[in-house]
Amino acid sequence: LREARTRLGEALLGFESCGARMWARQTGAELRANGAAPAGAGAADSGPAAAGELARLTPQQLRIARLVAEGATNREAALSLSVSTRTVDYHLRNVFATLGVRSRVELVRLVEQAEKTGAQL
């Protein structure tokens, strides 16, 4: 596990240095998932947990992200917003891509961290 963290840390620095933000966010998420805090020049704001990333979401994406973070299924979110499940699926895929997260668990962590730091949701 220690070697994996070391290699992920090296990869993160490489991605940051060449401007590969999406890969840097994903690598940062892997580091956090393995219990390590990302280190690097932009670690505080380049990972998917950066609260400022939420500002990049559209209002509809933010509503869906909030519902999912509260534990709603795609179907429940669709019913709550009076849209189709397919629309929720579409927006949720875009939320994941925009925030650099790959799972609902990562999305929940991001939203919780944003709430702790006082970000407007």
Foldseek 3Di string as FASTA:
>chain_A
DVVVLVVLLVVLQVCVVVVVLLSNQLSQVVNVVVPHQRDDDCSQQSHLLHLVLLVVADPLLNQLLVCLLVPDDLCRSCVVVVHDSVVSVVSPVVVCSSSSHDDSVVSNNSVVSSVVVPHDD
